[in-house]
Every structure is written in structure tokens, then in C-alpha cells.
């Protein structure tokens, strides 16, 4: 089953668990998010493993600038 970018964004928002609602699109720059830090990155790594059965590392995240870059890691 293929995951749409919208489904991926929903999982991302749950994994990062922002304190206040943020507007996130496929073009959102990760470093521009108010709570994008090491804890958020860890949540995303866990999300990939649990939700999508895919193992990624912190190095993988370092090469991602936008949500679309993260989404492409599913491929």
C-alpha cells in the first residue's frame, strides 16, 4: 500500500506532537518549524519504524530540508 503525502503529514504531525497547531505542507522547511529539535527528530525516526516499517537514521534526517524530502525516504 502506498502512503500519500497527506497521510505522511498526518503521521508526522502526530510523531512530532507540536504544542500549538502548525500549518504544514509538503514544501514546509523543517528547520523553520517552531519545535523541530532532536526530540522531534527522534519522534520522526520512531514514526518511520513503527508506522512504515522503514529504518532511517539521524544522518538521513540531516539530508532532508522539507517534508517532501522526508517523504521521499519512504521510497
C-alpha atoms as a PDB file:
ATOM      1  CA  UNK A   1       0.000   0.000   0.000  1.00  0.00           C
ATOM      2  CA  UNK A   2       1.323   3.414  -0.967  1.00  0.00           C
ATOM      3  CA  UNK A   3       1.194   6.215   1.562  1.00  0.00           C
ATOM      4  CA  UNK A   4       0.070   9.598   0.248  1.00  0.00           C
ATOM      5  CA  UNK A   5       1.903  12.760   1.218  1.00  0.00           C
ATOM      6  CA  UNK A   6      -1.207  13.832   3.160  1.00  0.00           C
ATOM      7  CA  UNK A   7      -1.184  10.596   5.191  1.00  0.00           C
ATOM      8  CA  UNK A   8       2.529  11.056   5.767  1.00  0.00           C
ATOM      9  CA  UNK A   9       1.996  14.614   7.025  1.00  0.00           C
ATOM     10  CA  UNK A  10      -0.679  13.391   9.466  1.00  0.00           C
ATOM     11  CA  UNK A  11       1.764  10.823  10.847  1.00  0.00           C
ATOM     12  CA  UNK A  12       4.493  13.465  11.007  1.00  0.00           C
ATOM     13  CA  UNK A  13       2.293  15.853  12.999  1.00  0.00           C
ATOM     14  CA  UNK A  14       1.414  13.078  15.436  1.00  0.00           C
ATOM     15  CA  UNK A  15       5.042  11.996  15.796  1.00  0.00           C
ATOM     16  CA  UNK A  16       6.366  15.498  16.447  1.00  0.00           C
ATOM     17  CA  UNK A  17       3.405  16.419  18.698  1.00  0.00           C
ATOM     18  CA  UNK A  18       3.596  20.198  18.353  1.00  0.00           C
ATOM     19  CA  UNK A  19       2.411  22.150  21.389  1.00  0.00           C
ATOM     20  CA  UNK A  20       0.458  24.525  19.163  1.00  0.00           C
ATOM     21  CA  UNK A  21      -1.081  23.725  15.794  1.00  0.00           C
ATOM     22  CA  UNK A  22       1.187  24.411  12.835  1.00  0.00           C
ATOM     23  CA  UNK A  23       0.357  24.626   9.171  1.00  0.00           C
ATOM     24  CA  UNK A  24       2.472  22.023   7.392  1.00  0.00           C
ATOM     25  CA  UNK A  25       2.646  21.447   3.642  1.00  0.00           C
ATOM     26  CA  UNK A  26       4.917  19.265   1.518  1.00  0.00           C
ATOM     27  CA  UNK A  27       7.138  22.352   0.991  1.00  0.00           C
ATOM     28  CA  UNK A  28       7.477  23.185   4.692  1.00  0.00           C
ATOM     29  CA  UNK A  29      11.124  23.644   5.662  1.00  0.00           C
ATOM     30  CA  UNK A  30      11.853  21.501   8.706  1.00  0.00           C
ATOM     31  CA  UNK A  31      14.230  23.953  10.403  1.00  0.00           C
ATOM     32  CA  UNK A  32      11.510  26.623  10.174  1.00  0.00           C
ATOM     33  CA  UNK A  33       9.159  24.587  12.366  1.00  0.00           C
ATOM     34  CA  UNK A  34       8.958  26.021  15.898  1.00  0.00           C
ATOM     35  CA  UNK A  35       9.685  22.740  17.663  1.00  0.00           C
ATOM     36  CA  UNK A  36      12.000  20.990  15.203  1.00  0.00           C
ATOM     37  CA  UNK A  37      14.729  19.727  17.513  1.00  0.00           C
ATOM     38  CA  UNK A  38      16.433  16.464  18.468  1.00  0.00           C
ATOM     39  CA  UNK A  39      13.333  15.178  20.265  1.00  0.00           C
ATOM     40  CA  UNK A  40      11.169  15.865  17.209  1.00  0.00           C
ATOM     41  CA  UNK A  41      13.751  14.126  15.007  1.00  0.00           C
ATOM     42  CA  UNK A  42      13.698  11.094  17.302  1.00  0.00           C
ATOM     43  CA  UNK A  43       9.898  11.017  17.029  1.00  0.00           C
ATOM     44  CA  UNK A  44      10.187  11.011  13.236  1.00  0.00           C
ATOM     45  CA  UNK A  45      12.723   8.159  13.325  1.00  0.00           C
ATOM     46  CA  UNK A  46      10.340   6.147  15.517  1.00  0.00           C
ATOM     47  CA  UNK A  47       7.419   7.041  13.206  1.00  0.00           C
ATOM     48  CA  UNK A  48       9.274   5.645  10.196  1.00  0.00           C
ATOM     49  CA  UNK A  49       9.949   2.412  12.066  1.00  0.00           C
ATOM     50  CA  UNK A  50       6.548   1.887  13.687  1.00  0.00           C
ATOM     51  CA  UNK A  51       4.171   3.366  11.103  1.00  0.00           C
ATOM     52  CA  UNK A  52       6.014   2.486   7.901  1.00  0.00           C
ATOM     53  CA  UNK A  53       8.402  -0.352   8.767  1.00  0.00           C
ATOM     54  CA  UNK A  54      11.353   1.670   7.454  1.00  0.00           C
ATOM     55  CA  UNK A  55      14.606   2.280   9.321  1.00  0.00           C
ATOM     56  CA  UNK A  56      16.174   5.723   8.987  1.00  0.00           C
ATOM     57  CA  UNK A  57      18.970   7.430  10.894  1.00  0.00           C
ATOM     58  CA  UNK A  58      19.806  10.895  12.092  1.00  0.00           C
ATOM     59  CA  UNK A  59      22.134  11.193   9.103  1.00  0.00           C
ATOM     60  CA  UNK A  60      19.169  10.547   6.801  1.00  0.00           C
ATOM     61  CA  UNK A  61      17.317  13.403   8.506  1.00  0.00           C
ATOM     62  CA  UNK A  62      20.283  15.754   8.148  1.00  0.00           C
ATOM     63  CA  UNK A  63      19.946  15.479   4.371  1.00  0.00           C
ATOM     64  CA  UNK A  64      16.260  16.463   4.452  1.00  0.00           C
ATOM     65  CA  UNK A  65      15.248  20.081   4.084  1.00  0.00           C
ATOM     66  CA  UNK A  66      11.476  19.831   3.540  1.00  0.00           C
ATOM     67  CA  UNK A  67       8.627  17.476   4.374  1.00  0.00           C
ATOM     68  CA  UNK A  68       8.818  16.200   0.789  1.00  0.00           C
ATOM     69  CA  UNK A  69      12.449  15.228   1.370  1.00  0.00           C
ATOM     70  CA  UNK A  70      11.355  13.221   4.407  1.00  0.00           C
ATOM     71  CA  UNK A  71       8.511  11.645   2.445  1.00  0.00           C
ATOM     72  CA  UNK A  72      10.945  10.521  -0.252  1.00  0.00           C
ATOM     73  CA  UNK A  73      12.761   8.433   2.372  1.00  0.00           C
ATOM     74  CA  UNK A  74       9.779   6.069   2.282  1.00  0.00           C
ATOM     75  CA  UNK A  75      10.671   5.121  -1.302  1.00  0.00           C
END
